[in-house]
Amino acid sequence: MTKLAQMTGLNRNTISKIYTDSSYVPSGATIKKIMKALRSLDPSKKTEDFFDI
């Protein structure tokens, strides 16, 4: 989680909450930051792979 926090500029608590709290719905801007970081590692990743939107 620390690496993802560094890559996105998001707080570790926010990333932890996304991971552990299934009722938490992150903002669109937060999802965009996470997906940008994940796609830098694997361009084939899709938002739907991680978020129910």
N, C-alpha and C. Protein backbone atom coordinates (compact mmCIF):
# COMPACT_ATOMS: atom_id res chain seq x y z
N MET A 1 0.80 -1.20 0.00
CA MET A 1 0.00 0.00 0.00
C MET A 1 0.84 1.26 0.00
N THR A 2 2.00 1.22 0.60
CA THR A 2 2.86 2.39 0.65
C THR A 2 3.29 2.81 -0.74
N LYS A 3 3.66 1.85 -1.57
CA LYS A 3 4.08 2.16 -2.94
C LYS A 3 2.94 2.81 -3.72
N LEU A 4 1.74 2.28 -3.58
CA LEU A 4 0.59 2.85 -4.27
C LEU A 4 0.30 4.26 -3.76
N ALA A 5 0.45 4.46 -2.47
CA ALA A 5 0.26 5.80 -1.90
C ALA A 5 1.27 6.78 -2.51
N GLN A 6 2.50 6.36 -2.65
CA GLN A 6 3.53 7.21 -3.24
C GLN A 6 3.23 7.50 -4.71
N MET A 7 2.79 6.48 -5.44
CA MET A 7 2.52 6.64 -6.87
C MET A 7 1.32 7.54 -7.13
N THR A 8 0.34 7.52 -6.24
CA THR A 8 -0.90 8.27 -6.46
C THR A 8 -0.93 9.62 -5.75
N GLY A 9 -0.13 9.75 -4.70
CA GLY A 9 -0.19 10.96 -3.89
C GLY A 9 -1.35 10.93 -2.91
N LEU A 10 -1.98 9.77 -2.79
CA LEU A 10 -3.09 9.62 -1.86
C LEU A 10 -2.57 9.19 -0.49
N ASN A 11 -3.35 9.48 0.51
CA ASN A 11 -3.03 9.09 1.87
C ASN A 11 -3.13 7.56 2.01
N ARG A 12 -2.23 6.96 2.77
CA ARG A 12 -2.29 5.50 2.99
C ARG A 12 -3.60 5.08 3.61
N ASN A 13 -4.18 5.92 4.46
CA ASN A 13 -5.46 5.58 5.08
C ASN A 13 -6.56 5.46 4.04
N THR A 14 -6.54 6.31 3.04
CA THR A 14 -7.54 6.24 1.96
C THR A 14 -7.39 4.94 1.20
N ILE A 15 -6.19 4.58 0.86
CA ILE A 15 -5.94 3.34 0.12
C ILE A 15 -6.34 2.14 0.97
N SER A 16 -6.02 2.17 2.24
CA SER A 16 -6.39 1.09 3.14
C SER A 16 -7.91 0.95 3.22
N LYS A 17 -8.59 2.07 3.30
CA LYS A 17 -10.05 2.04 3.39
C LYS A 17 -10.67 1.45 2.12
N ILE A 18 -10.14 1.80 0.97
CA ILE A 18 -10.62 1.23 -0.29
C ILE A 18 -10.46 -0.28 -0.28
N TYR A 19 -9.34 -0.73 0.25
CA TYR A 19 -9.01 -2.16 0.26
C TYR A 19 -9.84 -2.94 1.28
N THR A 20 -10.11 -2.35 2.43
CA THR A 20 -10.73 -3.11 3.52
C THR A 20 -12.22 -2.85 3.73
N ASP A 21 -12.72 -1.71 3.29
CA ASP A 21 -14.12 -1.34 3.56
C ASP A 21 -14.94 -1.44 2.27
N SER A 22 -15.68 -2.52 2.12
CA SER A 22 -16.43 -2.75 0.88
C SER A 22 -17.56 -1.75 0.68
N SER A 23 -17.95 -1.03 1.72
CA SER A 23 -19.02 -0.05 1.58
C SER A 23 -18.49 1.34 1.20
N TYR A 24 -17.17 1.52 1.26
CA TYR A 24 -16.57 2.82 0.93
C TYR A 24 -16.56 3.02 -0.58
N VAL A 25 -17.03 4.18 -1.02
CA VAL A 25 -17.04 4.51 -2.44
C VAL A 25 -16.10 5.70 -2.64
N PRO A 26 -14.95 5.47 -3.25
CA PRO A 26 -14.01 6.56 -3.46
C PRO A 26 -14.53 7.53 -4.53
N SER A 27 -14.03 8.74 -4.49
CA SER A 27 -14.43 9.75 -5.48
C SER A 27 -13.87 9.37 -6.85
N GLY A 28 -14.42 9.96 -7.86
CA GLY A 28 -13.93 9.73 -9.22
C GLY A 28 -12.47 10.11 -9.37
N ALA A 29 -12.08 11.21 -8.73
CA ALA A 29 -10.68 11.66 -8.81
C ALA A 29 -9.74 10.64 -8.17
N THR A 30 -10.18 10.04 -7.07
CA THR A 30 -9.36 9.03 -6.39
C THR A 30 -9.23 7.79 -7.26
N ILE A 31 -10.31 7.35 -7.85
CA ILE A 31 -10.27 6.18 -8.74
C ILE A 31 -9.35 6.46 -9.92
N LYS A 32 -9.43 7.66 -10.46
CA LYS A 32 -8.59 8.03 -11.61
C LYS A 32 -7.10 7.96 -11.24
N LYS A 33 -6.75 8.46 -10.05
CA LYS A 33 -5.34 8.43 -9.61
C LYS A 33 -4.85 6.99 -9.44
N ILE A 34 -5.68 6.16 -8.84
CA ILE A 34 -5.30 4.76 -8.62
C ILE A 34 -5.14 4.04 -9.96
N MET A 35 -6.08 4.25 -10.85
CA MET A 35 -6.01 3.57 -12.14
C MET A 35 -4.82 4.04 -12.97
N LYS A 36 -4.48 5.31 -12.88
CA LYS A 36 -3.30 5.81 -13.60
C LYS A 36 -2.04 5.10 -13.10
N ALA A 37 -1.93 4.95 -11.79
CA ALA A 37 -0.77 4.28 -11.21
C ALA A 37 -0.74 2.81 -11.60
N LEU A 38 -1.88 2.14 -11.53
CA LEU A 38 -1.92 0.72 -11.87
C LEU A 38 -1.63 0.49 -13.34
N ARG A 39 -2.12 1.37 -14.20
CA ARG A 39 -1.87 1.23 -15.64
C ARG A 39 -0.42 1.51 -16.00
N SER A 40 0.27 2.27 -15.16
CA SER A 40 1.70 2.49 -15.42
C SER A 40 2.47 1.19 -15.22
N LEU A 41 1.93 0.30 -14.39
CA LEU A 41 2.54 -1.01 -14.16
C LEU A 41 2.05 -2.04 -15.16
N ASP A 42 0.78 -1.95 -15.53
CA ASP A 42 0.17 -2.90 -16.48
C ASP A 42 -0.92 -2.18 -17.26
N PRO A 43 -0.60 -1.74 -18.49
CA PRO A 43 -1.56 -0.96 -19.28
C PRO A 43 -2.87 -1.68 -19.61
N SER A 44 -2.93 -2.97 -19.42
CA SER A 44 -4.15 -3.70 -19.76
C SER A 44 -5.19 -3.67 -18.64
N LYS A 45 -4.85 -3.12 -17.49
CA LYS A 45 -5.79 -3.08 -16.36
C LYS A 45 -6.96 -2.16 -16.68
N LYS A 46 -8.14 -2.58 -16.25
CA LYS A 46 -9.36 -1.81 -16.47
C LYS A 46 -9.95 -1.43 -15.12
N THR A 47 -10.65 -0.32 -15.10
CA THR A 47 -11.28 0.16 -13.87
C THR A 47 -12.20 -0.90 -13.30
N GLU A 48 -12.92 -1.59 -14.17
CA GLU A 48 -13.87 -2.62 -13.74
C GLU A 48 -13.19 -3.79 -13.02
N ASP A 49 -11.88 -3.95 -13.24
CA ASP A 49 -11.14 -5.02 -12.56
C ASP A 49 -11.02 -4.74 -11.06
N PHE A 50 -11.18 -3.48 -10.66
CA PHE A 50 -10.95 -3.09 -9.28
C PHE A 50 -12.13 -2.42 -8.60
N PHE A 51 -12.98 -1.77 -9.38
CA PHE A 51 -14.09 -1.02 -8.80
C PHE A 51 -15.40 -1.41 -9.48
N ASP A 52 -16.46 -1.45 -8.71
CA ASP A 52 -17.81 -1.71 -9.23
C ASP A 52 -18.43 -0.38 -9.62
N ILE A 53 -18.24 -0.03 -10.88
CA ILE A 53 -18.82 1.24 -11.35
C ILE A 53 -19.64 1.01 -12.59
